[in-house]
N, C-alpha and C. Protein backbone atom coordinates (compact mmCIF):
# COMPACT_ATOMS: atom_id res chain seq x y z
N MET A 1 111.57 -85.34 150.52
CA MET A 1 110.37 -86.11 150.29
C MET A 1 110.46 -86.81 148.95
N ASP A 2 109.77 -87.94 148.87
CA ASP A 2 109.75 -88.71 147.65
C ASP A 2 108.39 -89.38 147.52
N THR A 3 108.26 -90.23 146.54
CA THR A 3 107.00 -90.94 146.32
C THR A 3 106.53 -91.61 147.61
N PHE A 4 105.25 -91.54 147.86
CA PHE A 4 104.59 -92.16 149.02
C PHE A 4 105.04 -91.57 150.35
N THR A 5 105.51 -90.33 150.35
CA THR A 5 105.83 -89.66 151.60
C THR A 5 104.94 -88.43 151.73
N THR A 6 104.86 -87.90 152.91
CA THR A 6 104.01 -86.76 153.18
C THR A 6 104.76 -85.70 153.96
N ALA A 7 104.28 -84.49 153.91
CA ALA A 7 104.87 -83.40 154.69
C ALA A 7 104.20 -83.29 156.05
N LEU A 8 103.15 -84.08 156.28
CA LEU A 8 102.49 -84.05 157.59
C LEU A 8 103.43 -84.58 158.66
N GLU A 9 103.42 -83.92 159.78
CA GLU A 9 104.21 -84.35 160.93
C GLU A 9 103.35 -85.25 161.82
N PRO A 10 103.97 -86.07 162.66
CA PRO A 10 103.19 -86.89 163.59
C PRO A 10 102.24 -86.00 164.41
N GLY A 11 101.00 -86.43 164.53
CA GLY A 11 100.02 -85.67 165.30
C GLY A 11 99.25 -84.65 164.48
N GLU A 12 99.70 -84.34 163.27
CA GLU A 12 98.99 -83.40 162.41
C GLU A 12 97.88 -84.13 161.66
N LEU A 13 96.83 -83.39 161.36
CA LEU A 13 95.66 -83.95 160.70
C LEU A 13 95.11 -82.93 159.72
N ILE A 14 94.78 -83.36 158.51
CA ILE A 14 94.13 -82.46 157.55
C ILE A 14 92.66 -82.42 157.91
N ARG A 15 92.16 -81.22 158.19
CA ARG A 15 90.77 -81.06 158.58
C ARG A 15 89.89 -80.55 157.45
N GLU A 16 90.50 -79.86 156.49
CA GLU A 16 89.68 -79.24 155.48
C GLU A 16 90.50 -79.01 154.21
N VAL A 17 89.85 -79.20 153.08
CA VAL A 17 90.43 -78.86 151.79
C VAL A 17 89.41 -77.95 151.10
N ILE A 18 89.84 -76.76 150.74
CA ILE A 18 88.95 -75.80 150.08
C ILE A 18 89.34 -75.71 148.61
N VAL A 19 88.37 -75.99 147.76
CA VAL A 19 88.59 -75.90 146.32
C VAL A 19 87.67 -74.80 145.80
N PRO A 20 88.24 -73.68 145.35
CA PRO A 20 87.39 -72.58 144.88
C PRO A 20 86.68 -72.94 143.58
N VAL A 21 85.55 -72.31 143.35
CA VAL A 21 84.82 -72.48 142.10
C VAL A 21 85.68 -71.88 140.98
N GLU A 22 85.80 -72.63 139.90
CA GLU A 22 86.65 -72.20 138.80
C GLU A 22 86.01 -71.06 138.03
N ASP A 23 86.84 -70.14 137.60
CA ASP A 23 86.42 -69.04 136.73
C ASP A 23 85.92 -69.65 135.43
N PRO A 24 84.75 -69.23 134.93
CA PRO A 24 84.22 -69.83 133.71
C PRO A 24 85.07 -69.60 132.46
N SER A 25 86.02 -68.66 132.51
CA SER A 25 86.88 -68.44 131.35
C SER A 25 88.09 -69.37 131.34
N ALA A 26 88.19 -70.23 132.35
CA ALA A 26 89.31 -71.15 132.45
C ALA A 26 88.92 -72.53 131.96
N GLY A 27 89.89 -73.23 131.42
CA GLY A 27 89.69 -74.61 131.00
C GLY A 27 90.67 -75.50 131.73
N THR A 28 90.23 -76.70 132.06
CA THR A 28 91.08 -77.64 132.78
C THR A 28 91.06 -79.01 132.10
N SER A 29 92.09 -79.78 132.36
CA SER A 29 92.15 -81.14 131.86
C SER A 29 93.18 -81.92 132.67
N TYR A 30 92.88 -83.19 132.91
CA TYR A 30 93.85 -84.11 133.51
C TYR A 30 93.96 -85.31 132.59
N GLN A 31 95.15 -85.56 132.12
CA GLN A 31 95.42 -86.69 131.22
C GLN A 31 96.48 -87.56 131.87
N LYS A 32 96.28 -88.88 131.81
CA LYS A 32 97.30 -89.75 132.40
C LYS A 32 97.42 -91.05 131.65
N VAL A 33 98.61 -91.66 131.79
CA VAL A 33 98.87 -93.00 131.32
C VAL A 33 98.74 -93.87 132.56
N LEU A 34 97.73 -94.69 132.58
CA LEU A 34 97.40 -95.48 133.77
C LEU A 34 98.23 -96.75 133.83
N GLN A 35 98.80 -97.03 134.99
CA GLN A 35 99.43 -98.31 135.25
C GLN A 35 98.30 -99.19 135.81
N VAL A 36 97.84 -100.12 135.02
CA VAL A 36 96.59 -100.84 135.29
C VAL A 36 96.58 -101.56 136.63
N ALA A 37 97.64 -102.23 136.99
CA ALA A 37 97.65 -103.02 138.22
C ALA A 37 97.50 -102.17 139.48
N SER A 38 98.13 -100.99 139.49
CA SER A 38 98.10 -100.16 140.70
C SER A 38 97.08 -99.02 140.62
N GLY A 39 96.76 -98.59 139.41
CA GLY A 39 95.88 -97.43 139.24
C GLY A 39 96.63 -96.11 139.28
N PHE A 40 97.93 -96.15 139.58
CA PHE A 40 98.72 -94.92 139.61
C PHE A 40 99.08 -94.51 138.19
N ALA A 41 99.35 -93.24 138.03
CA ALA A 41 99.75 -92.74 136.72
C ALA A 41 101.22 -93.02 136.46
N ILE A 42 101.52 -93.60 135.31
CA ILE A 42 102.91 -93.70 134.87
C ILE A 42 103.39 -92.28 134.61
N VAL A 43 102.54 -91.50 133.96
CA VAL A 43 102.71 -90.06 133.81
C VAL A 43 101.32 -89.45 133.86
N GLY A 44 101.15 -88.39 134.64
CA GLY A 44 99.89 -87.66 134.70
C GLY A 44 100.14 -86.18 134.57
N ILE A 45 99.28 -85.51 133.80
CA ILE A 45 99.44 -84.08 133.54
C ILE A 45 98.13 -83.37 133.84
N ALA A 46 98.19 -82.37 134.70
CA ALA A 46 97.03 -81.53 135.00
C ALA A 46 97.30 -80.15 134.40
N ALA A 47 96.35 -79.67 133.62
CA ALA A 47 96.50 -78.36 132.97
C ALA A 47 95.32 -77.47 133.32
N ARG A 48 95.62 -76.22 133.55
CA ARG A 48 94.60 -75.20 133.82
C ARG A 48 95.04 -73.94 133.09
N ILE A 49 94.22 -73.48 132.15
CA ILE A 49 94.57 -72.26 131.43
C ILE A 49 93.36 -71.34 131.33
N ARG A 50 93.68 -70.08 131.19
CA ARG A 50 92.63 -69.06 130.98
C ARG A 50 93.06 -68.22 129.79
N GLN A 51 92.08 -67.91 128.94
CA GLN A 51 92.35 -67.09 127.77
C GLN A 51 91.46 -65.86 127.80
N SER A 52 91.99 -64.78 127.25
CA SER A 52 91.23 -63.54 127.12
C SER A 52 91.71 -62.82 125.87
N GLY A 53 90.78 -62.43 125.03
CA GLY A 53 91.14 -61.70 123.82
C GLY A 53 92.06 -62.46 122.90
N GLY A 54 91.93 -63.78 122.87
CA GLY A 54 92.76 -64.59 121.98
C GLY A 54 94.17 -64.85 122.48
N THR A 55 94.40 -64.60 123.78
CA THR A 55 95.73 -64.79 124.35
C THR A 55 95.62 -65.61 125.64
N VAL A 56 96.56 -66.51 125.85
CA VAL A 56 96.63 -67.26 127.10
C VAL A 56 97.13 -66.30 128.17
N THR A 57 96.28 -66.01 129.14
CA THR A 57 96.64 -65.06 130.19
C THR A 57 97.09 -65.74 131.48
N PHE A 58 96.85 -67.05 131.58
CA PHE A 58 97.16 -67.78 132.81
C PHE A 58 97.34 -69.24 132.44
N ALA A 59 98.40 -69.87 132.92
CA ALA A 59 98.62 -71.30 132.69
C ALA A 59 99.23 -71.93 133.94
N ARG A 60 98.72 -73.09 134.30
CA ARG A 60 99.29 -73.87 135.41
C ARG A 60 99.36 -75.32 134.97
N MET A 61 100.50 -75.95 135.27
CA MET A 61 100.75 -77.34 134.88
C MET A 61 101.27 -78.13 136.06
N GLY A 62 100.61 -79.23 136.36
CA GLY A 62 101.08 -80.15 137.39
C GLY A 62 101.47 -81.47 136.73
N VAL A 63 102.58 -82.04 137.17
CA VAL A 63 103.09 -83.27 136.57
C VAL A 63 103.31 -84.29 137.68
N THR A 64 102.84 -85.51 137.44
CA THR A 64 103.04 -86.58 138.40
C THR A 64 103.51 -87.83 137.67
N GLY A 65 104.22 -88.69 138.37
CA GLY A 65 104.68 -89.94 137.80
C GLY A 65 105.99 -89.85 137.06
N LEU A 66 106.32 -88.70 136.55
CA LEU A 66 107.55 -88.54 135.78
C LEU A 66 108.78 -88.57 136.68
N ALA A 67 108.72 -87.85 137.77
CA ALA A 67 109.85 -87.73 138.69
C ALA A 67 109.49 -88.37 140.04
N GLY A 68 110.40 -88.29 140.98
CA GLY A 68 110.19 -88.88 142.30
C GLY A 68 109.06 -88.26 143.08
N LYS A 69 108.70 -87.03 142.73
CA LYS A 69 107.57 -86.37 143.38
C LYS A 69 106.88 -85.47 142.36
N PRO A 70 105.61 -85.18 142.57
CA PRO A 70 104.90 -84.28 141.64
C PRO A 70 105.55 -82.91 141.63
N TYR A 71 105.41 -82.21 140.52
CA TYR A 71 105.97 -80.86 140.43
C TYR A 71 105.13 -80.00 139.51
N ARG A 72 105.32 -78.72 139.65
CA ARG A 72 104.68 -77.73 138.79
C ARG A 72 105.65 -77.39 137.67
N ALA A 73 105.20 -77.49 136.43
CA ALA A 73 106.05 -77.23 135.27
C ALA A 73 105.99 -75.74 134.92
N ILE A 74 106.69 -74.95 135.70
CA ILE A 74 106.68 -73.50 135.53
C ILE A 74 107.22 -73.09 134.17
N ASN A 75 108.21 -73.82 133.65
CA ASN A 75 108.76 -73.48 132.34
C ASN A 75 107.71 -73.62 131.25
N VAL A 76 106.83 -74.61 131.36
CA VAL A 76 105.75 -74.78 130.38
C VAL A 76 104.76 -73.63 130.52
N GLU A 77 104.41 -73.29 131.75
CA GLU A 77 103.47 -72.19 132.00
C GLU A 77 103.98 -70.89 131.37
N GLN A 78 105.25 -70.58 131.64
CA GLN A 78 105.82 -69.34 131.14
C GLN A 78 105.91 -69.31 129.61
N ALA A 79 106.18 -70.47 129.01
CA ALA A 79 106.27 -70.54 127.55
C ALA A 79 104.91 -70.35 126.89
N LEU A 80 103.83 -70.71 127.58
CA LEU A 80 102.50 -70.62 127.00
C LEU A 80 101.82 -69.27 127.24
N GLU A 81 102.05 -68.71 128.43
CA GLU A 81 101.40 -67.44 128.75
C GLU A 81 101.84 -66.34 127.79
N GLY A 82 100.87 -65.55 127.33
CA GLY A 82 101.14 -64.46 126.40
C GLY A 82 101.09 -64.86 124.94
N THR A 83 100.88 -66.15 124.67
CA THR A 83 100.77 -66.62 123.29
C THR A 83 99.29 -66.79 122.93
N PRO A 84 98.98 -66.96 121.65
CA PRO A 84 97.59 -67.25 121.27
C PRO A 84 97.13 -68.64 121.70
N GLY A 85 98.06 -69.51 122.09
CA GLY A 85 97.68 -70.87 122.49
C GLY A 85 97.36 -71.75 121.28
N SER A 86 98.00 -71.46 120.18
CA SER A 86 97.80 -72.24 118.95
C SER A 86 98.40 -73.64 119.15
N PRO A 87 98.06 -74.57 118.26
CA PRO A 87 98.69 -75.89 118.36
C PRO A 87 100.23 -75.82 118.35
N ALA A 88 100.79 -74.92 117.57
CA ALA A 88 102.25 -74.76 117.56
C ALA A 88 102.76 -74.22 118.90
N ASP A 89 102.02 -73.28 119.51
CA ASP A 89 102.40 -72.75 120.83
C ASP A 89 102.35 -73.85 121.89
N ILE A 90 101.31 -74.68 121.82
CA ILE A 90 101.15 -75.78 122.76
C ILE A 90 102.28 -76.79 122.59
N GLN A 91 102.60 -77.13 121.36
CA GLN A 91 103.67 -78.09 121.10
C GLN A 91 105.01 -77.57 121.61
N LYS A 92 105.28 -76.31 121.36
CA LYS A 92 106.54 -75.69 121.81
C LYS A 92 106.64 -75.70 123.34
N ALA A 93 105.56 -75.33 124.01
CA ALA A 93 105.56 -75.31 125.48
C ALA A 93 105.66 -76.72 126.04
N ALA A 94 104.91 -77.66 125.47
CA ALA A 94 104.91 -79.03 125.97
C ALA A 94 106.27 -79.70 125.87
N ALA A 95 107.06 -79.29 124.89
CA ALA A 95 108.39 -79.87 124.71
C ALA A 95 109.30 -79.59 125.90
N LEU A 96 108.93 -78.65 126.75
CA LEU A 96 109.77 -78.26 127.90
C LEU A 96 109.45 -79.02 129.18
N VAL A 97 108.39 -79.81 129.19
CA VAL A 97 107.87 -80.38 130.44
C VAL A 97 108.88 -81.23 131.20
N ALA A 98 109.77 -81.91 130.50
CA ALA A 98 110.73 -82.79 131.18
C ALA A 98 112.14 -82.20 131.27
N ASP A 99 112.31 -80.95 130.84
CA ASP A 99 113.63 -80.33 130.89
C ASP A 99 114.16 -80.28 132.32
N GLY A 100 115.36 -80.79 132.50
CA GLY A 100 116.02 -80.73 133.80
C GLY A 100 115.44 -81.66 134.85
N VAL A 101 114.58 -82.58 134.43
CA VAL A 101 113.91 -83.49 135.37
C VAL A 101 114.61 -84.84 135.36
N GLU A 102 114.90 -85.36 136.54
CA GLU A 102 115.43 -86.72 136.66
C GLU A 102 114.23 -87.66 136.67
N ALA A 103 113.97 -88.28 135.53
CA ALA A 103 112.77 -89.10 135.37
C ALA A 103 112.91 -90.46 136.03
N ASN A 104 111.79 -90.96 136.55
CA ASN A 104 111.72 -92.30 137.11
C ASN A 104 111.95 -93.33 136.01
N SER A 105 112.48 -94.47 136.41
CA SER A 105 112.64 -95.60 135.51
C SER A 105 112.34 -96.85 136.31
N ASP A 106 111.43 -97.67 135.82
CA ASP A 106 111.10 -98.91 136.51
C ASP A 106 110.61 -99.93 135.50
N LEU A 107 110.06 -101.05 135.96
CA LEU A 107 109.64 -102.10 135.04
C LEU A 107 108.47 -101.68 134.16
N HIS A 108 107.77 -100.59 134.50
CA HIS A 108 106.63 -100.13 133.71
C HIS A 108 107.03 -99.17 132.60
N ALA A 109 108.06 -98.39 132.81
CA ALA A 109 108.48 -97.42 131.80
C ALA A 109 109.88 -96.91 132.11
N SER A 110 110.70 -96.82 131.08
CA SER A 110 112.05 -96.27 131.25
C SER A 110 111.95 -94.76 131.43
N ALA A 111 113.02 -94.16 131.88
CA ALA A 111 113.06 -92.70 132.04
C ALA A 111 112.84 -92.02 130.69
N HIS A 112 113.47 -92.52 129.65
CA HIS A 112 113.33 -91.93 128.31
C HIS A 112 111.87 -91.99 127.85
N TYR A 113 111.23 -93.14 128.03
CA TYR A 113 109.83 -93.29 127.62
C TYR A 113 108.91 -92.40 128.44
N ARG A 114 109.16 -92.28 129.74
CA ARG A 114 108.35 -91.40 130.59
C ARG A 114 108.44 -89.95 130.11
N LYS A 115 109.65 -89.52 129.76
CA LYS A 115 109.82 -88.15 129.26
C LYS A 115 109.03 -87.96 127.97
N HIS A 116 109.08 -88.95 127.09
CA HIS A 116 108.31 -88.87 125.86
C HIS A 116 106.82 -88.78 126.17
N LEU A 117 106.33 -89.65 127.05
CA LEU A 117 104.91 -89.62 127.42
C LEU A 117 104.52 -88.28 128.03
N ALA A 118 105.40 -87.71 128.83
CA ALA A 118 105.09 -86.42 129.46
C ALA A 118 104.86 -85.35 128.40
N GLY A 119 105.68 -85.32 127.37
CA GLY A 119 105.50 -84.35 126.30
C GLY A 119 104.19 -84.56 125.55
N VAL A 120 103.90 -85.79 125.21
CA VAL A 120 102.67 -86.11 124.48
C VAL A 120 101.44 -85.77 125.32
N TYR A 121 101.44 -86.16 126.58
CA TYR A 121 100.27 -85.93 127.42
C TYR A 121 100.14 -84.48 127.85
N THR A 122 101.24 -83.74 127.88
CA THR A 122 101.15 -82.30 128.12
C THR A 122 100.45 -81.63 126.95
N MET A 123 100.80 -82.02 125.73
CA MET A 123 100.11 -81.46 124.56
C MET A 123 98.62 -81.77 124.62
N ARG A 124 98.28 -83.01 124.96
CA ARG A 124 96.86 -83.39 125.03
C ARG A 124 96.12 -82.60 126.10
N ALA A 125 96.71 -82.50 127.28
CA ALA A 125 96.06 -81.79 128.38
C ALA A 125 95.86 -80.32 128.04
N LEU A 126 96.88 -79.69 127.46
CA LEU A 126 96.76 -78.28 127.08
C LEU A 126 95.72 -78.07 125.98
N ALA A 127 95.68 -78.98 125.02
CA ALA A 127 94.71 -78.85 123.94
C ALA A 127 93.28 -78.98 124.47
N VAL A 128 93.05 -79.95 125.35
CA VAL A 128 91.70 -80.13 125.92
C VAL A 128 91.34 -78.94 126.81
N ALA A 129 92.27 -78.50 127.65
CA ALA A 129 92.01 -77.35 128.53
C ALA A 129 91.69 -76.11 127.69
N SER A 130 92.44 -75.92 126.62
CA SER A 130 92.21 -74.78 125.74
C SER A 130 90.83 -74.84 125.10
N SER A 131 90.41 -76.03 124.70
CA SER A 131 89.09 -76.17 124.08
C SER A 131 87.95 -75.91 125.07
N ARG A 132 88.24 -75.95 126.34
CA ARG A 132 87.22 -75.74 127.38
C ARG A 132 87.16 -74.31 127.92
N THR A 133 88.02 -73.44 127.39
CA THR A 133 87.99 -72.05 127.85
C THR A 133 86.80 -71.32 127.21
N ALA A 134 86.26 -70.35 127.96
CA ALA A 134 85.10 -69.61 127.45
C ALA A 134 85.53 -68.42 126.63
């Protein structure tokens, strides 16, 4: 699968999407660099974290626009979980977001620039999500 493809088979139909109510101790954020003409993200980062007792106990990161298909940045999640979630912890984790990723390159952004944007926007998303935790 790649951009603009689906896993749905012919004849299949999505009937329902269930989104659970978020735990109030969790913070979320979606940050993106918008490609104005299409509305698609050149790079988009979704962050969801939960903190307890001054420690990040749960982190989830979704990345879109950077590679041929969206992916979960498990390396970023693992680097952040168990830390206090300080600005230095966030910066260290965010630096991993594009590791091992074959980044897209097109007339809107080179692969190198997309990787840079992914790191910057991961830091922003994590910082905002962290500020929203209870």
